Amino acid sequence: MSLQSVRAFLSAHAPDLEILEKPTSTATVAEAAQAHGVEPAQIAKTLSLWLKDEVILLMLGGDAKIDNRKFKDQFKGKAKMLSADEVVEWTSHPVGGVCPFGLPHKLKIFADVTLKKFDIVLPAAGATNAALRIAPDRLIQLVRAEWVDVAQSQA
């Protein structure tokens, strides 16, 4: 159902975008980067997080990690990952296919500035073997996300 909800969302809001389905898993950043021929940082991973009593989505570069201090300063709270069952319940997407498209619930969506360094990023598309190519600014506009700076600084 998840891939179908992404297809329906894109059909309604961005019919020019194509879902890229691979015959192998793209569930991890490394698998996705290899399958799509890009560097891991270009994969737009989407984390499903509890923030106090609210679920949010946070997209960030595939090689980035959350900086706890920056996150707490930005959101005035601590992040807690959802369980795999909660991820499916809140997003309809399986872990490894989570994306900000075709969601069954209205969630606040944020994107870390680590995605801005690329012309094109690749978020998942609702399945563990699906993704799409999109410009970061268009991604933000399409899902009504807000830019944040919560990743650890890259050395």
N, C-alpha and C. Protein backbone atom coordinates (compact mmCIF):
# COMPACT_ATOMS: atom_id res chain seq x y z
N MET A 1 0.82 -1.20 0.00
CA MET A 1 0.00 0.00 0.00
C MET A 1 0.86 1.26 0.00
N SER A 2 2.03 1.19 0.59
CA SER A 2 2.87 2.36 0.74
C SER A 2 3.34 2.93 -0.60
N LEU A 3 3.84 2.07 -1.47
CA LEU A 3 4.28 2.51 -2.78
C LEU A 3 3.11 3.13 -3.55
N GLN A 4 1.93 2.56 -3.39
CA GLN A 4 0.75 3.09 -4.06
C GLN A 4 0.39 4.48 -3.53
N SER A 5 0.53 4.71 -2.23
CA SER A 5 0.21 6.03 -1.69
C SER A 5 1.21 7.07 -2.19
N VAL A 6 2.45 6.67 -2.39
CA VAL A 6 3.45 7.58 -2.95
C VAL A 6 3.12 7.88 -4.41
N ARG A 7 2.76 6.83 -5.16
CA ARG A 7 2.37 7.03 -6.57
C ARG A 7 1.19 8.00 -6.66
N ALA A 8 0.19 7.82 -5.80
CA ALA A 8 -0.99 8.69 -5.82
C ALA A 8 -0.61 10.12 -5.48
N PHE A 9 0.24 10.31 -4.48
CA PHE A 9 0.69 11.64 -4.09
C PHE A 9 1.42 12.32 -5.24
N LEU A 10 2.35 11.61 -5.86
CA LEU A 10 3.13 12.19 -6.95
C LEU A 10 2.24 12.46 -8.16
N SER A 11 1.31 11.59 -8.44
CA SER A 11 0.39 11.78 -9.55
C SER A 11 -0.39 13.09 -9.39
N ALA A 12 -0.79 13.38 -8.15
CA ALA A 12 -1.57 14.58 -7.87
C ALA A 12 -0.71 15.85 -7.77
N HIS A 13 0.52 15.73 -7.26
CA HIS A 13 1.31 16.92 -6.94
C HIS A 13 2.57 17.11 -7.78
N ALA A 14 3.08 16.04 -8.37
CA ALA A 14 4.33 16.14 -9.15
C ALA A 14 4.37 15.02 -10.19
N PRO A 15 3.46 15.06 -11.15
CA PRO A 15 3.36 13.97 -12.12
C PRO A 15 4.61 13.78 -12.98
N ASP A 16 5.49 14.76 -13.02
CA ASP A 16 6.72 14.65 -13.80
C ASP A 16 7.79 13.80 -13.10
N LEU A 17 7.62 13.56 -11.82
CA LEU A 17 8.63 12.78 -11.09
C LEU A 17 8.37 11.29 -11.28
N GLU A 18 9.46 10.56 -11.51
CA GLU A 18 9.38 9.13 -11.75
C GLU A 18 9.92 8.36 -10.55
N ILE A 19 9.18 7.35 -10.13
CA ILE A 19 9.67 6.46 -9.08
C ILE A 19 10.62 5.47 -9.72
N LEU A 20 11.81 5.36 -9.15
CA LEU A 20 12.83 4.46 -9.65
C LEU A 20 12.83 3.19 -8.80
N GLU A 21 12.35 2.10 -9.37
CA GLU A 21 12.32 0.84 -8.64
C GLU A 21 13.50 -0.02 -9.07
N LYS A 22 14.20 -0.57 -8.11
CA LYS A 22 15.36 -1.41 -8.36
C LYS A 22 15.04 -2.86 -8.03
N PRO A 23 15.70 -3.81 -8.69
CA PRO A 23 15.43 -5.23 -8.40
C PRO A 23 16.02 -5.68 -7.06
N THR A 24 16.91 -4.87 -6.50
CA THR A 24 17.53 -5.21 -5.22
C THR A 24 17.13 -4.18 -4.17
N SER A 25 17.43 -4.48 -2.94
CA SER A 25 17.10 -3.59 -1.84
C SER A 25 17.87 -2.28 -1.92
N THR A 26 17.17 -1.20 -1.60
CA THR A 26 17.81 0.11 -1.42
C THR A 26 17.45 0.65 -0.04
N ALA A 27 17.22 -0.28 0.89
CA ALA A 27 16.73 0.07 2.22
C ALA A 27 17.76 0.79 3.08
N THR A 28 19.04 0.53 2.84
CA THR A 28 20.07 1.23 3.61
C THR A 28 20.69 2.31 2.73
N VAL A 29 21.33 3.26 3.36
CA VAL A 29 21.99 4.33 2.61
C VAL A 29 23.03 3.73 1.66
N ALA A 30 23.83 2.78 2.13
CA ALA A 30 24.87 2.18 1.29
C ALA A 30 24.25 1.46 0.09
N GLU A 31 23.19 0.70 0.32
CA GLU A 31 22.53 -0.01 -0.78
C GLU A 31 21.94 0.97 -1.79
N ALA A 32 21.29 2.01 -1.29
CA ALA A 32 20.67 3.00 -2.17
C ALA A 32 21.73 3.74 -2.99
N ALA A 33 22.80 4.15 -2.35
CA ALA A 33 23.86 4.87 -3.06
C ALA A 33 24.46 4.00 -4.16
N GLN A 34 24.72 2.75 -3.85
CA GLN A 34 25.30 1.84 -4.85
C GLN A 34 24.31 1.60 -5.99
N ALA A 35 23.06 1.34 -5.67
CA ALA A 35 22.06 1.04 -6.70
C ALA A 35 21.81 2.21 -7.65
N HIS A 36 21.92 3.44 -7.12
CA HIS A 36 21.63 4.63 -7.92
C HIS A 36 22.88 5.34 -8.42
N GLY A 37 24.07 4.81 -8.06
CA GLY A 37 25.32 5.37 -8.56
C GLY A 37 25.62 6.77 -8.05
N VAL A 38 25.30 7.01 -6.78
CA VAL A 38 25.58 8.31 -6.17
C VAL A 38 26.34 8.10 -4.87
N GLU A 39 26.88 9.18 -4.33
CA GLU A 39 27.56 9.06 -3.04
C GLU A 39 26.52 8.98 -1.91
N PRO A 40 26.84 8.33 -0.81
CA PRO A 40 25.88 8.17 0.29
C PRO A 40 25.27 9.49 0.77
N ALA A 41 26.03 10.56 0.77
CA ALA A 41 25.52 11.85 1.26
C ALA A 41 24.34 12.35 0.43
N GLN A 42 24.23 11.88 -0.82
CA GLN A 42 23.17 12.34 -1.73
C GLN A 42 21.84 11.62 -1.47
N ILE A 43 21.88 10.55 -0.70
CA ILE A 43 20.65 9.85 -0.33
C ILE A 43 19.97 10.68 0.76
N ALA A 44 18.71 11.01 0.55
CA ALA A 44 17.95 11.79 1.54
C ALA A 44 17.22 10.82 2.46
N LYS A 45 17.90 10.42 3.53
CA LYS A 45 17.25 9.49 4.46
C LYS A 45 16.21 10.25 5.28
N THR A 46 15.13 9.56 5.59
CA THR A 46 14.04 10.15 6.35
C THR A 46 13.90 9.42 7.67
N LEU A 47 14.09 10.13 8.75
CA LEU A 47 13.95 9.57 10.09
C LEU A 47 12.58 9.90 10.65
N SER A 48 11.96 8.92 11.29
CA SER A 48 10.67 9.12 11.96
C SER A 48 10.96 9.22 13.45
N LEU A 49 10.62 10.36 14.03
CA LEU A 49 11.03 10.65 15.41
C LEU A 49 9.86 11.10 16.27
N TRP A 50 9.91 10.68 17.52
CA TRP A 50 9.03 11.26 18.53
C TRP A 50 9.70 12.52 19.03
N LEU A 51 8.96 13.60 19.07
CA LEU A 51 9.41 14.84 19.67
C LEU A 51 8.35 15.19 20.70
N LYS A 52 8.66 14.94 21.96
CA LYS A 52 7.67 15.02 23.03
C LYS A 52 6.53 14.06 22.69
N ASP A 53 5.32 14.55 22.45
CA ASP A 53 4.20 13.65 22.14
C ASP A 53 3.77 13.76 20.68
N GLU A 54 4.67 14.20 19.82
CA GLU A 54 4.37 14.41 18.41
C GLU A 54 5.36 13.63 17.54
N VAL A 55 4.88 13.10 16.44
CA VAL A 55 5.75 12.43 15.48
C VAL A 55 6.13 13.45 14.41
N ILE A 56 7.43 13.50 14.11
CA ILE A 56 7.93 14.36 13.03
C ILE A 56 8.79 13.52 12.09
N LEU A 57 8.98 14.03 10.89
CA LEU A 57 9.91 13.42 9.95
C LEU A 57 11.08 14.38 9.76
N LEU A 58 12.27 13.83 9.73
CA LEU A 58 13.48 14.61 9.52
C LEU A 58 14.28 13.98 8.39
N MET A 59 14.45 14.72 7.31
CA MET A 59 15.27 14.26 6.19
C MET A 59 16.66 14.86 6.34
N LEU A 60 17.67 14.04 6.10
CA LEU A 60 19.03 14.54 6.13
C LEU A 60 19.90 13.72 5.21
N GLY A 61 21.07 14.26 4.89
CA GLY A 61 21.99 13.55 4.01
C GLY A 61 22.30 12.17 4.55
N GLY A 62 22.48 11.23 3.64
CA GLY A 62 22.68 9.83 4.03
C GLY A 62 23.85 9.57 4.93
N ASP A 63 24.87 10.41 4.88
CA ASP A 63 26.04 10.21 5.73
C ASP A 63 25.98 11.04 7.01
N ALA A 64 24.90 11.79 7.20
CA ALA A 64 24.79 12.69 8.35
C ALA A 64 24.18 12.00 9.56
N LYS A 65 24.56 12.50 10.72
CA LYS A 65 23.99 12.03 11.98
C LYS A 65 23.46 13.24 12.73
N ILE A 66 22.46 13.02 13.55
CA ILE A 66 21.89 14.11 14.34
C ILE A 66 22.89 14.56 15.40
N ASP A 67 23.05 15.85 15.53
CA ASP A 67 23.82 16.44 16.61
C ASP A 67 22.81 16.72 17.73
N ASN A 68 22.91 15.99 18.81
CA ASN A 68 21.91 16.09 19.88
C ASN A 68 21.76 17.50 20.43
N ARG A 69 22.84 18.23 20.56
CA ARG A 69 22.79 19.61 21.08
C ARG A 69 22.04 20.50 20.09
N LYS A 70 22.39 20.43 18.80
CA LYS A 70 21.70 21.24 17.79
C LYS A 70 20.21 20.89 17.74
N PHE A 71 19.92 19.59 17.81
CA PHE A 71 18.53 19.16 17.76
C PHE A 71 17.75 19.73 18.93
N LYS A 72 18.32 19.62 20.12
CA LYS A 72 17.64 20.12 21.32
C LYS A 72 17.46 21.64 21.26
N ASP A 73 18.47 22.34 20.76
CA ASP A 73 18.36 23.79 20.62
C ASP A 73 17.27 24.17 19.61
N GLN A 74 17.18 23.43 18.52
CA GLN A 74 16.20 23.71 17.47
C GLN A 74 14.77 23.39 17.92
N PHE A 75 14.60 22.22 18.53
CA PHE A 75 13.26 21.71 18.81
C PHE A 75 12.84 21.77 20.28
N LYS A 76 13.75 22.21 21.13
CA LYS A 76 13.45 22.31 22.57
C LYS A 76 13.01 20.97 23.15
N GLY A 77 13.61 19.92 22.64
CA GLY A 77 13.29 18.58 23.12
C GLY A 77 14.29 17.58 22.57
N LYS A 78 14.15 16.34 23.02
CA LYS A 78 15.05 15.28 22.63
C LYS A 78 14.36 14.37 21.63
N ALA A 79 15.10 13.89 20.65
CA ALA A 79 14.54 12.99 19.64
C ALA A 79 14.55 11.56 20.14
N LYS A 80 13.48 10.84 19.80
CA LYS A 80 13.42 9.40 20.09
C LYS A 80 12.89 8.72 18.85
N MET A 81 13.61 7.71 18.37
CA MET A 81 13.20 7.00 17.16
C MET A 81 11.91 6.22 17.42
N LEU A 82 11.06 6.16 16.40
CA LEU A 82 9.86 5.34 16.47
C LEU A 82 10.27 3.87 16.32
N SER A 83 9.47 2.98 16.86
CA SER A 83 9.70 1.55 16.61
C SER A 83 9.29 1.26 15.17
N ALA A 84 9.69 0.10 14.65
CA ALA A 84 9.35 -0.27 13.28
C ALA A 84 7.83 -0.30 13.08
N ASP A 85 7.09 -0.81 14.06
CA ASP A 85 5.63 -0.84 13.97
C ASP A 85 5.04 0.56 13.97
N GLU A 86 5.60 1.44 14.80
CA GLU A 86 5.12 2.83 14.83
C GLU A 86 5.41 3.55 13.52
N VAL A 87 6.56 3.25 12.91
CA VAL A 87 6.91 3.86 11.63
C VAL A 87 5.83 3.54 10.60
N VAL A 88 5.46 2.27 10.50
CA VAL A 88 4.43 1.87 9.54
C VAL A 88 3.09 2.50 9.89
N GLU A 89 2.76 2.53 11.18
CA GLU A 89 1.49 3.12 11.61
C GLU A 89 1.40 4.61 11.25
N TRP A 90 2.47 5.36 11.45
CA TRP A 90 2.45 6.81 11.26
C TRP A 90 2.72 7.24 9.82
N THR A 91 3.51 6.44 9.08
CA THR A 91 3.88 6.86 7.72
C THR A 91 3.28 5.98 6.63
N SER A 92 2.88 4.78 6.96
CA SER A 92 2.44 3.72 6.05
C SER A 92 3.60 3.12 5.27
N HIS A 93 4.81 3.59 5.52
CA HIS A 93 5.99 3.10 4.81
C HIS A 93 6.81 2.18 5.70
N PRO A 94 7.43 1.15 5.11
CA PRO A 94 8.30 0.28 5.89
C PRO A 94 9.63 0.97 6.18
N VAL A 95 10.28 0.57 7.26
CA VAL A 95 11.63 1.06 7.54
C VAL A 95 12.48 0.71 6.31
N GLY A 96 13.25 1.68 5.83
CA GLY A 96 14.03 1.50 4.62
C GLY A 96 13.33 2.06 3.39
N GLY A 97 12.06 2.42 3.55
CA GLY A 97 11.30 3.01 2.45
C GLY A 97 10.59 4.28 2.87
N VAL A 98 10.91 4.75 4.09
CA VAL A 98 10.22 5.92 4.64
C VAL A 98 10.56 7.17 3.84
N CYS A 99 9.52 7.93 3.54
CA CYS A 99 9.68 9.16 2.78
C CYS A 99 8.56 10.12 3.20
N PRO A 100 8.64 11.37 2.79
CA PRO A 100 7.62 12.34 3.18
C PRO A 100 6.42 12.41 2.24
N PHE A 101 6.28 11.43 1.35
CA PHE A 101 5.20 11.43 0.37
C PHE A 101 4.12 10.41 0.73
N GLY A 102 2.87 10.74 0.44
CA GLY A 102 1.78 9.78 0.60
C GLY A 102 1.54 9.34 2.02
N LEU A 103 1.63 10.26 2.95
CA LEU A 103 1.47 9.94 4.37
C LEU A 103 0.00 9.88 4.77
N PRO A 104 -0.37 8.94 5.66
CA PRO A 104 -1.76 8.87 6.11
C PRO A 104 -2.10 9.90 7.18
N HIS A 105 -1.07 10.47 7.82
CA HIS A 105 -1.26 11.47 8.87
C HIS A 105 -0.53 12.74 8.47
N LYS A 106 -1.04 13.88 8.88
CA LYS A 106 -0.35 15.15 8.64
C LYS A 106 0.77 15.26 9.67
N LEU A 107 1.99 15.22 9.20
CA LEU A 107 3.15 15.30 10.07
C LEU A 107 3.98 16.52 9.72
N LYS A 108 4.63 17.09 10.72
CA LYS A 108 5.60 18.15 10.45
C LYS A 108 6.84 17.50 9.85
N ILE A 109 7.33 18.12 8.78
CA ILE A 109 8.48 17.57 8.06
C ILE A 109 9.59 18.61 8.04
N PHE A 110 10.79 18.16 8.34
CA PHE A 110 11.96 19.03 8.39
C PHE A 110 13.05 18.43 7.51
N ALA A 111 13.88 19.29 6.97
CA ALA A 111 15.01 18.84 6.15
C ALA A 111 16.27 19.53 6.63
N ASP A 112 17.28 18.74 6.87
CA ASP A 112 18.55 19.30 7.32
C ASP A 112 19.30 19.92 6.14
N VAL A 113 20.05 20.96 6.45
CA VAL A 113 20.80 21.69 5.42
C VAL A 113 21.86 20.82 4.73
N THR A 114 22.15 19.63 5.25
CA THR A 114 23.10 18.74 4.58
C THR A 114 22.61 18.37 3.17
N LEU A 115 21.31 18.49 2.91
CA LEU A 115 20.77 18.16 1.58
C LEU A 115 21.01 19.29 0.58
N LYS A 116 21.31 20.48 1.06
CA LYS A 116 21.45 21.64 0.17
C LYS A 116 22.71 21.60 -0.70
N LYS A 117 23.66 20.75 -0.36
CA LYS A 117 24.92 20.77 -1.11
C LYS A 117 24.83 20.02 -2.45
N PHE A 118 23.67 19.46 -2.75
CA PHE A 118 23.49 18.72 -3.99
C PHE A 118 22.41 19.36 -4.86
N ASP A 119 22.56 19.23 -6.18
CA ASP A 119 21.52 19.68 -7.11
C ASP A 119 20.34 18.71 -7.08
N ILE A 120 20.65 17.42 -6.88
CA ILE A 120 19.64 16.36 -6.87
C ILE A 120 19.90 15.47 -5.66
N VAL A 121 18.84 15.10 -4.95
CA VAL A 121 18.93 14.13 -3.86
C VAL A 121 17.96 13.00 -4.16
N LEU A 122 18.14 11.89 -3.44
CA LEU A 122 17.30 10.72 -3.68
C LEU A 122 16.64 10.25 -2.39
N PRO A 123 15.42 10.67 -2.14
CA PRO A 123 14.67 10.10 -1.01
C PRO A 123 14.04 8.78 -1.43
N ALA A 124 13.73 7.95 -0.46
CA ALA A 124 13.00 6.71 -0.73
C ALA A 124 11.61 7.08 -1.26
N ALA A 125 10.91 6.06 -1.74
CA ALA A 125 9.59 6.31 -2.31
C ALA A 125 8.56 5.28 -1.83
N GLY A 126 8.61 4.96 -0.54
CA GLY A 126 7.57 4.14 0.05
C GLY A 126 7.78 2.65 0.01
N ALA A 127 8.91 2.20 -0.53
CA ALA A 127 9.23 0.77 -0.55
C ALA A 127 10.74 0.63 -0.37
N THR A 128 11.17 -0.55 0.00
CA THR A 128 12.59 -0.77 0.29
C THR A 128 13.42 -0.96 -0.97
N ASN A 129 12.83 -0.74 -2.13
CA ASN A 129 13.58 -0.79 -3.39
C ASN A 129 13.20 0.37 -4.32
N ALA A 130 12.62 1.43 -3.75
CA ALA A 130 12.13 2.54 -4.58
C ALA A 130 12.65 3.88 -4.07
N ALA A 131 12.94 4.76 -5.02
CA ALA A 131 13.41 6.11 -4.70
C ALA A 131 13.02 7.02 -5.85
N LEU A 132 13.34 8.29 -5.70
CA LEU A 132 13.17 9.23 -6.81
C LEU A 132 14.25 10.28 -6.73
N ARG A 133 14.48 10.93 -7.87
CA ARG A 133 15.47 12.00 -7.96
C ARG A 133 14.72 13.32 -7.95
N ILE A 134 15.19 14.25 -7.09
CA ILE A 134 14.50 15.54 -6.95
C ILE A 134 15.48 16.59 -6.43
N ALA A 135 15.29 17.81 -6.86
CA ALA A 135 16.10 18.92 -6.34
C ALA A 135 15.68 19.19 -4.89
N PRO A 136 16.63 19.46 -4.01
CA PRO A 136 16.29 19.69 -2.60
C PRO A 136 15.22 20.77 -2.38
N ASP A 137 15.34 21.89 -3.07
CA ASP A 137 14.35 22.96 -2.87
C ASP A 137 12.96 22.53 -3.32
N ARG A 138 12.90 21.76 -4.40
CA ARG A 138 11.59 21.27 -4.85
C ARG A 138 11.03 20.26 -3.84
N LEU A 139 11.88 19.42 -3.30
CA LEU A 139 11.45 18.46 -2.27
C LEU A 139 10.82 19.20 -1.10
N ILE A 140 11.48 20.24 -0.64
CA ILE A 140 10.99 21.02 0.50
C ILE A 140 9.64 21.64 0.17
N GLN A 141 9.52 22.21 -1.01
CA GLN A 141 8.27 22.84 -1.43
C GLN A 141 7.15 21.81 -1.56
N LEU A 142 7.47 20.67 -2.16
CA LEU A 142 6.47 19.64 -2.43
C LEU A 142 5.83 19.08 -1.16
N VAL A 143 6.64 18.91 -0.12
CA VAL A 143 6.11 18.31 1.12
C VAL A 143 5.94 19.34 2.24
N ARG A 144 6.10 20.62 1.89
CA ARG A 144 5.94 21.72 2.85
C ARG A 144 6.82 21.53 4.08
N ALA A 145 8.09 21.22 3.81
CA ALA A 145 9.04 21.02 4.89
C ALA A 145 9.70 22.33 5.27
N GLU A 146 10.41 22.29 6.37
CA GLU A 146 11.14 23.46 6.86
C GLU A 146 12.61 23.09 6.97
N TRP A 147 13.49 23.98 6.49
CA TRP A 147 14.93 23.75 6.62
C TRP A 147 15.35 23.90 8.08
N VAL A 148 16.22 23.01 8.53
CA VAL A 148 16.83 23.10 9.86
C VAL A 148 18.30 22.73 9.75
N ASP A 149 19.07 23.04 10.79
CA ASP A 149 20.48 22.68 10.85
C ASP A 149 20.68 21.88 12.14
N VAL A 150 20.52 20.56 12.03
CA VAL A 150 20.60 19.72 13.23
C VAL A 150 21.57 18.55 13.09
N ALA A 151 22.32 18.52 11.99
CA ALA A 151 23.28 17.43 11.79
C ALA A 151 24.64 17.80 12.36
N GLN A 152 25.40 16.77 12.67
CA GLN A 152 26.77 16.99 13.14
C GLN A 152 27.57 17.60 12.01
N SER A 153 28.48 18.49 12.35
CA SER A 153 29.35 19.10 11.34
C SER A 153 30.25 18.04 10.76
N GLN A 154 30.38 18.06 9.44
CA GLN A 154 31.26 17.09 8.76
C GLN A 154 32.69 17.61 8.80
N ALA A 155 33.59 16.73 9.16
CA ALA A 155 35.01 17.15 9.28
C ALA A 155 35.66 17.28 7.92
